[in-house]
Amino acid sequence: MAAKKIAIGVALIALIGLLAGWLFQRQLGEEIFDRAIEQNFTRDTLADLPDGLHVGLCGTGSPLPNADRAGPCNIIVAGEQVFMVDIGEGGAETIALMGFNAADLDGVLLTHFHSDHFDGLGPLQLFHWTRGASTAPLPVYGPEGVEAVVKGINAAYATDDTYRIAHHGEEVVPPSGGGSEARRFEMRGESAVIYRNGDLAITAFKVDHTPVEPAVGYRFDYKGRSLCISGDTVRSANLERACEGVDLLVHEALQTKLVGKMQQAFADRGNANTAKIFADIMDYHSTPEDAARSAQATGAQMLVLSHLVPPLPNSLLYPAFLGDAEDEFDGPVIVGEDGMLFSLPAGGNEIKRSELL
């Protein structure tokens, strides 16, 4: 009998413990959620940035699956002006997690029209509209062909736009602010200034991503600081000319040795179609070593690698990915990760690196 009472007592204590644990977990969960709201939804990174030129990596991946990397995406801040270069899948969500508001964007610049460089435009233009009651569409700059891309995305979102207006009302989502607006620029030479406002100048320059044409990169100059975004390209002499003297070069990179291993693996399994695709992509991208050579030729202070192929799920793979790149460039070579922010304060020469994720 005594043993039975002890067993019942033990069971009751265990039950009380479970209930207390459940109640505590619920309270803890709510506190964690409240903290996440504060950190991820009400944070205003833009307000905390000093005057200068900044680039945030909101997507360092490629079309190949990588859970930790969105598609190609860069957010550039020059004083109070904010632009994005390319907007791959997941990029719009990543900038929100980094503490940026899509409503603050002054425009998007597309390097070319491979789908992985613009397939995040739909969510981005939606956030630009709904999170700031924008009264004008999101400007999207690009070379010839940008009109067709914007027209297609707008058509895909047209019905959804009507739902947003009907549900939230015109004060929250003004009908004039939905979608994007194409702003095509002309490239008569190898490079051209395509935007100038105050102290900010943006230059587009041609790169070689054959058979993809047109394909460009962008240079940003602001108050004595400068950076370049390569876009997709093999090693480009024109990029090296256009980016001469920049502080920071963000360059795409594909490690052919590792991609070759993937190609062989598919070939060995009888998947000739996928094996051919992996063989094909190696001839119109730059290796980390070539990106480093370009950085050395420009005289850049720092090289940041992005649009990484193959996927790099773990930093232990970085040395194999870099190969001999660090021998080709005198400055630091950084393997880009989503959430990295590089800041170039006005009037100085330092480059500060921080993490926003």
Protein backbone atom coordinates (compact mmCIF):
# COMPACT_ATOMS: atom_id res chain seq x y z
CA MET A 1 0.00 0.00 0.00
CA ALA A 2 2.81 2.35 0.92
CA ALA A 3 4.54 1.57 -2.36
CA LYS A 4 1.31 2.36 -4.24
CA LYS A 5 1.03 5.75 -2.51
CA ILE A 6 4.63 6.53 -3.30
CA ALA A 7 4.06 5.63 -6.95
CA ILE A 8 0.97 7.87 -7.12
CA GLY A 9 2.92 10.69 -5.49
CA VAL A 10 5.75 10.33 -7.94
CA ALA A 11 3.27 10.35 -10.83
CA LEU A 12 1.58 13.49 -9.51
CA ILE A 13 4.92 15.25 -9.10
CA ALA A 14 5.87 14.26 -12.64
CA LEU A 15 2.54 15.52 -13.97
CA ILE A 16 2.90 18.82 -12.12
CA GLY A 17 6.40 19.11 -13.48
CA LEU A 18 5.19 18.53 -17.02
CA LEU A 19 2.41 21.09 -16.64
CA ALA A 20 4.81 23.64 -15.15
CA GLY A 21 7.30 22.93 -17.91
CA TRP A 22 4.62 23.35 -20.56
CA LEU A 23 3.42 26.63 -19.04
CA PHE A 24 7.02 27.87 -18.74
CA GLN A 25 7.79 26.85 -22.31
CA ARG A 26 4.74 28.76 -23.55
CA GLN A 27 5.80 31.87 -21.63
CA LEU A 28 9.38 31.48 -22.83
CA GLY A 29 8.17 30.97 -26.39
CA GLU A 30 6.14 34.17 -26.27
CA GLU A 31 9.12 36.09 -24.89
CA ILE A 32 11.36 34.72 -27.66
CA PHE A 33 8.75 35.65 -30.25
CA ASP A 34 8.47 39.20 -28.87
CA ARG A 35 12.26 39.52 -29.02
CA ALA A 36 12.28 38.23 -32.61
CA ILE A 37 9.72 40.86 -33.61
CA GLU A 38 11.90 43.57 -32.08
CA GLN A 39 15.06 42.30 -33.75
CA ASN A 40 13.74 41.27 -37.16
CA PHE A 41 10.66 43.34 -37.94
CA THR A 42 11.07 46.71 -36.24
CA ARG A 43 14.83 47.03 -36.67
CA ASP A 44 15.89 49.91 -38.94
CA THR A 45 19.42 49.22 -40.16
CA LEU A 46 19.34 52.14 -42.57
CA ALA A 47 18.83 54.65 -39.76
CA ASP A 48 21.93 53.41 -37.96
CA LEU A 49 24.36 53.59 -40.89
CA PRO A 50 26.92 56.41 -40.99
CA ASP A 51 27.23 58.55 -44.09
CA GLY A 52 29.11 56.62 -46.73
CA LEU A 53 28.80 53.77 -49.19
CA HIS A 54 27.56 50.39 -47.97
CA VAL A 55 26.85 47.06 -49.64
CA GLY A 56 24.85 44.28 -48.01
CA LEU A 57 24.84 40.74 -49.36
CA CYS A 58 21.19 39.72 -49.47
CA GLY A 59 21.84 36.75 -51.74
CA THR A 60 25.15 34.98 -52.39
CA GLY A 61 23.76 31.82 -53.95
CA SER A 62 22.93 30.54 -57.40
CA PRO A 63 20.17 28.46 -59.02
CA LEU A 64 21.63 25.39 -57.27
CA PRO A 65 19.88 24.57 -53.94
CA ASN A 66 21.48 26.10 -50.84
CA ALA A 67 19.36 26.55 -47.73
CA ASP A 68 21.56 29.34 -46.31
CA ARG A 69 21.86 31.49 -49.43
CA ALA A 70 19.25 33.41 -51.39
CA GLY A 71 19.64 34.04 -55.11
CA PRO A 72 21.93 36.84 -56.37
CA CYS A 73 21.10 40.02 -54.46
CA ASN A 74 23.03 43.09 -53.31
CA ILE A 75 21.67 46.13 -51.45
CA ILE A 76 23.66 49.35 -51.81
CA VAL A 77 23.26 52.40 -49.59
CA ALA A 78 24.82 55.73 -50.56
CA GLY A 79 23.89 58.30 -47.96
CA GLU A 80 20.09 58.27 -48.01
CA GLN A 81 19.78 56.59 -51.42
CA VAL A 82 19.15 52.85 -51.57
CA PHE A 83 19.44 50.54 -54.58
CA MET A 84 19.54 46.82 -55.21
CA VAL A 85 21.65 45.09 -57.82
CA ASP A 86 19.79 41.98 -58.94
CA ILE A 87 17.02 40.36 -56.96
CA GLY A 88 17.17 36.59 -56.90
CA GLU A 89 14.71 34.26 -55.20
CA GLY A 90 14.54 34.93 -51.46
CA GLY A 91 16.33 38.28 -51.67
CA ALA A 92 13.29 40.36 -50.67
CA GLU A 93 12.81 38.29 -47.53
CA THR A 94 16.53 38.45 -46.69
CA ILE A 95 16.73 42.25 -46.78
CA ALA A 96 13.81 42.35 -44.34
CA LEU A 97 15.67 40.02 -41.98
CA MET A 98 18.72 42.28 -42.35
CA GLY A 99 16.68 45.23 -41.10
CA PHE A 100 16.05 47.02 -44.40
CA ASN A 101 12.62 48.17 -45.57
CA ALA A 102 11.82 47.59 -49.23
CA ALA A 103 9.76 50.79 -49.14
CA ASP A 104 13.02 52.76 -48.86
CA LEU A 105 14.33 51.53 -52.21
CA ASP A 106 15.05 54.08 -54.93
CA GLY A 107 15.38 51.37 -57.55
CA VAL A 108 16.65 47.98 -58.70
CA LEU A 109 19.44 47.53 -61.23
CA LEU A 110 19.49 44.27 -63.20
CA THR A 111 22.78 42.98 -64.59
CA HIS A 112 21.18 40.64 -67.15
CA PHE A 113 18.08 38.57 -67.70
CA HIS A 114 18.92 35.10 -66.50
CA SER A 115 15.90 34.24 -64.39
CA ASP A 116 17.87 33.69 -61.17
CA HIS A 117 18.80 37.39 -61.22
CA PHE A 118 15.23 38.71 -61.27
CA ASP A 119 12.93 35.94 -60.00
CA GLY A 120 12.65 37.69 -56.62
CA LEU A 121 11.30 40.88 -58.19
CA GLY A 122 7.65 39.98 -57.59
CA PRO A 123 7.89 39.82 -53.78
CA LEU A 124 10.22 42.83 -53.71
CA GLN A 125 7.84 45.10 -55.61
CA LEU A 126 4.98 43.88 -53.42
CA PHE A 127 6.92 44.75 -50.24
CA HIS A 128 7.98 48.11 -51.72
CA TRP A 129 4.30 48.92 -52.25
CA THR A 130 2.64 47.53 -49.15
CA ARG A 131 5.24 48.36 -46.49
CA GLY A 132 5.40 52.05 -47.27
CA ALA A 133 2.07 52.94 -48.92
CA SER A 134 4.14 53.75 -52.03
CA THR A 135 2.32 55.87 -54.57
CA ALA A 136 4.65 55.07 -57.48
CA PRO A 137 5.89 51.74 -58.87
CA LEU A 138 9.38 50.44 -58.06
CA PRO A 139 11.89 51.67 -60.70
CA VAL A 140 13.80 48.82 -62.36
CA TYR A 141 16.85 49.84 -64.38
CA GLY A 142 18.47 47.68 -67.02
CA PRO A 143 19.75 47.46 -70.58
CA GLU A 144 17.62 46.52 -73.57
CA GLY A 145 15.14 43.82 -72.57
CA VAL A 146 14.26 45.17 -69.12
CA GLU A 147 10.82 46.25 -70.39
CA ALA A 148 9.82 42.66 -71.18
CA VAL A 149 10.92 41.39 -67.77
CA VAL A 150 9.02 44.08 -65.87
CA LYS A 151 5.93 43.68 -68.03
CA GLY A 152 5.87 39.94 -67.35
CA ILE A 153 6.29 40.28 -63.57
CA ASN A 154 3.61 42.99 -63.45
CA ALA A 155 1.21 40.79 -65.41
CA ALA A 156 1.82 37.86 -63.05
CA TYR A 157 1.02 40.03 -60.01
CA ALA A 158 -1.87 42.03 -61.50
CA THR A 159 -4.66 39.91 -60.00
CA ASP A 160 -2.93 39.74 -56.62
CA ASP A 161 -2.70 43.55 -56.63
CA THR A 162 -6.50 43.82 -56.88
CA TYR A 163 -6.85 41.54 -53.84
CA ARG A 164 -4.49 43.70 -51.78
CA ILE A 165 -6.42 46.88 -52.60
CA ALA A 166 -9.80 45.27 -51.90
CA HIS A 167 -8.62 43.86 -48.57
CA HIS A 168 -6.47 46.66 -47.13
CA GLY A 169 -7.92 49.75 -48.80
CA GLU A 170 -6.45 52.42 -51.03
CA GLU A 171 -4.92 54.43 -48.15
CA VAL A 172 -2.73 51.45 -47.19
CA VAL A 173 -2.01 50.29 -50.75
CA PRO A 174 -2.53 53.19 -53.17
CA PRO A 175 -3.47 51.75 -56.60
CA SER A 176 -0.83 53.91 -58.31
CA GLY A 177 2.01 52.32 -56.31
CA GLY A 178 1.78 48.67 -57.32
CA GLY A 179 4.19 46.84 -59.56
CA SER A 180 7.44 47.99 -61.15
CA GLU A 181 8.37 50.50 -63.83
CA ALA A 182 11.05 49.68 -66.41
CA ARG A 183 13.78 52.28 -66.92
CA ARG A 184 15.93 51.21 -69.82
CA PHE A 185 19.34 52.76 -70.35
CA GLU A 186 21.44 52.84 -73.52
CA MET A 187 24.99 51.49 -73.80
CA ARG A 188 26.65 53.12 -76.79
CA GLY A 189 30.17 52.44 -75.56
CA GLU A 190 31.74 50.00 -73.14
CA SER A 191 30.47 51.93 -70.10
CA ALA A 192 28.12 54.78 -69.30
CA VAL A 193 26.91 56.75 -66.29
CA ILE A 194 23.26 55.73 -66.10
CA TYR A 195 22.26 57.51 -62.87
CA ARG A 196 23.47 60.62 -61.11
CA ASN A 197 21.87 62.29 -58.11
CA GLY A 198 23.72 64.51 -55.67
CA ASP A 199 27.00 62.85 -54.67
CA LEU A 200 26.03 59.44 -56.13
CA ALA A 201 26.99 58.29 -59.61
CA ILE A 202 26.18 54.82 -60.97
CA THR A 203 28.07 53.54 -63.99
CA ALA A 204 27.05 50.49 -66.02
CA PHE A 205 29.78 48.61 -67.86
CA LYS A 206 29.63 45.71 -70.30
CA VAL A 207 30.85 42.26 -69.27
CA ASP A 208 31.22 38.96 -71.13
CA HIS A 209 28.56 36.39 -70.25
CA THR A 210 28.23 34.96 -73.77
CA PRO A 211 25.75 33.83 -75.07
CA VAL A 212 23.84 36.08 -72.66
CA GLU A 213 23.68 39.59 -74.07
CA PRO A 214 23.33 42.30 -72.90
CA ALA A 215 25.15 41.70 -69.62
CA VAL A 216 26.55 44.47 -67.42
CA GLY A 217 28.09 45.20 -64.05
CA TYR A 218 27.74 48.37 -61.98
CA ARG A 219 30.11 50.81 -60.33
CA PHE A 220 28.97 53.10 -57.48
CA ASP A 221 30.85 56.29 -56.57
CA TYR A 222 29.87 58.35 -53.53
CA LYS A 223 31.85 60.99 -51.64
CA GLY A 224 35.24 59.57 -52.54
CA ARG A 225 34.30 55.91 -51.92
CA SER A 226 33.62 53.34 -54.63
CA LEU A 227 32.58 49.75 -55.21
CA CYS A 228 31.80 47.48 -58.14
CA ILE A 229 29.34 44.61 -58.61
CA SER A 230 30.52 42.33 -61.42
CA GLY A 231 27.32 40.64 -62.50
CA ASP A 232 27.90 37.30 -64.25
CA THR A 233 31.02 37.26 -66.41
CA VAL A 234 34.22 35.54 -67.38
CA ARG A 235 37.31 37.53 -66.53
CA SER A 236 36.65 40.89 -68.15
CA ALA A 237 39.20 43.47 -69.23
CA ASN A 238 36.39 46.00 -69.52
CA LEU A 239 35.39 45.36 -65.90
CA GLU A 240 39.00 45.92 -64.85
CA ARG A 241 39.04 49.25 -66.69
CA ALA A 242 35.65 50.41 -65.39
CA CYS A 243 36.44 49.41 -61.81
CA GLU A 244 39.94 50.84 -61.65
CA GLY A 245 40.73 52.23 -58.22
CA VAL A 246 37.61 50.97 -56.44
CA ASP A 247 37.72 50.30 -52.72
CA LEU A 248 35.66 47.09 -52.91
CA LEU A 249 34.95 44.59 -55.66
CA VAL A 250 32.04 42.16 -55.30
CA HIS A 251 32.66 39.49 -57.94
CA GLU A 252 30.88 36.31 -58.91
CA ALA A 253 32.82 33.03 -58.68
CA LEU A 254 32.53 29.45 -59.87
CA GLN A 255 35.15 26.89 -58.85
CA THR A 256 35.60 24.69 -61.91
CA LYS A 257 37.41 21.93 -60.01
CA LEU A 258 34.43 21.37 -57.74
CA VAL A 259 31.80 21.80 -60.45
CA GLY A 260 33.75 19.32 -62.56
CA LYS A 261 33.34 16.75 -59.80
CA MET A 262 29.57 17.31 -59.87
CA GLN A 263 29.54 16.97 -63.63
CA GLN A 264 31.38 13.67 -63.44
CA ALA A 265 29.06 12.36 -60.72
CA PHE A 266 25.99 12.94 -62.91
CA ALA A 267 27.73 11.45 -65.94
CA ASP A 268 28.66 8.33 -63.94
CA ARG A 269 24.99 7.92 -62.99
CA GLY A 270 23.88 8.10 -66.60
CA ASN A 271 22.34 11.59 -66.33
CA ALA A 272 23.94 13.01 -69.46
CA ASN A 273 21.58 16.00 -69.67
CA THR A 274 22.46 17.38 -66.23
CA ALA A 275 26.12 16.53 -66.76
CA LYS A 276 26.12 18.67 -69.91
CA ILE A 277 24.54 21.60 -68.07
CA PHE A 278 27.30 21.47 -65.45
CA ALA A 279 29.89 21.35 -68.25
CA ASP A 280 28.28 24.31 -70.01
CA ILE A 281 28.13 26.65 -67.00
CA MET A 282 31.89 26.49 -66.53
CA ASP A 283 32.62 28.49 -69.67
CA TYR A 284 30.79 31.74 -68.86
CA HIS A 285 31.66 32.36 -65.22
CA SER A 286 34.84 33.44 -63.45
CA THR A 287 36.87 31.21 -61.17
CA PRO A 288 37.84 32.58 -57.74
CA GLU A 289 41.38 32.85 -59.09
CA ASP A 290 40.22 34.96 -62.07
CA ALA A 291 38.15 37.18 -59.80
CA ALA A 292 41.25 37.69 -57.67
CA ARG A 293 43.30 38.59 -60.75
CA SER A 294 40.67 41.17 -61.70
CA ALA A 295 40.71 42.61 -58.18
CA GLN A 296 44.49 42.90 -58.39
CA ALA A 297 44.25 44.62 -61.78
CA THR A 298 41.74 47.18 -60.50
CA GLY A 299 43.78 47.97 -57.40
CA ALA A 300 40.82 47.20 -55.14
CA GLN A 301 41.38 47.08 -51.38
CA MET A 302 39.12 44.05 -50.84
CA LEU A 303 37.52 41.27 -52.89
CA VAL A 304 34.20 39.72 -51.89
CA LEU A 305 33.08 36.61 -53.76
CA SER A 306 29.38 36.05 -54.37
CA HIS A 307 26.97 34.13 -56.66
CA LEU A 308 28.88 31.10 -55.44
CA VAL A 309 28.92 27.89 -57.49
CA PRO A 310 28.79 25.14 -56.37
CA PRO A 311 26.75 25.50 -53.15
CA LEU A 312 28.88 25.85 -50.02
CA PRO A 313 26.82 24.62 -47.04
CA ASN A 314 29.78 24.75 -44.67
CA SER A 315 32.76 27.09 -44.27
CA LEU A 316 35.03 24.03 -44.18
CA LEU A 317 34.61 23.98 -47.96
CA TYR A 318 35.91 27.54 -48.41
CA PRO A 319 39.60 26.67 -48.88
CA ALA A 320 38.73 24.16 -51.61
CA PHE A 321 36.46 26.73 -53.23
CA LEU A 322 39.07 29.50 -53.13
CA GLY A 323 41.78 27.38 -54.69
CA ASP A 324 44.75 29.68 -55.35
CA ALA A 325 42.74 32.92 -55.29
CA GLU A 326 44.52 34.33 -52.24
CA ASP A 327 47.85 34.04 -54.08
CA GLU A 328 46.52 36.24 -56.91
CA PHE A 329 45.43 39.25 -54.86
CA ASP A 330 47.29 41.35 -52.32
CA GLY A 331 44.20 42.23 -50.27
CA PRO A 332 41.71 40.13 -48.30
CA VAL A 333 39.51 37.67 -50.20
CA ILE A 334 36.14 37.13 -48.51
CA VAL A 335 33.76 34.28 -49.33
CA GLY A 336 30.44 36.11 -49.17
CA GLU A 337 27.60 34.99 -46.92
CA ASP A 338 24.03 36.25 -46.76
CA GLY A 339 23.71 39.01 -44.18
CA MET A 340 27.23 40.40 -44.52
CA LEU A 341 27.46 44.20 -44.64
CA PHE A 342 30.52 46.11 -45.86
CA SER A 343 30.68 49.80 -44.95
CA LEU A 344 32.90 52.44 -46.56
CA PRO A 345 32.54 55.60 -44.45
CA ALA A 346 32.67 58.88 -46.36
CA GLY A 347 35.95 60.75 -46.11
CA GLY A 348 37.98 57.72 -45.08
CA ASN A 349 39.63 54.67 -46.58
CA GLU A 350 38.65 51.86 -44.22
CA ILE A 351 36.22 49.04 -44.97
CA LYS A 352 34.18 47.84 -42.01
CA ARG A 353 32.56 44.41 -42.05
CA SER A 354 29.56 43.38 -39.95
CA GLU A 355 26.90 40.65 -39.83
CA LEU A 356 23.19 41.43 -39.96
CA LEU A 357 21.85 37.87 -39.77
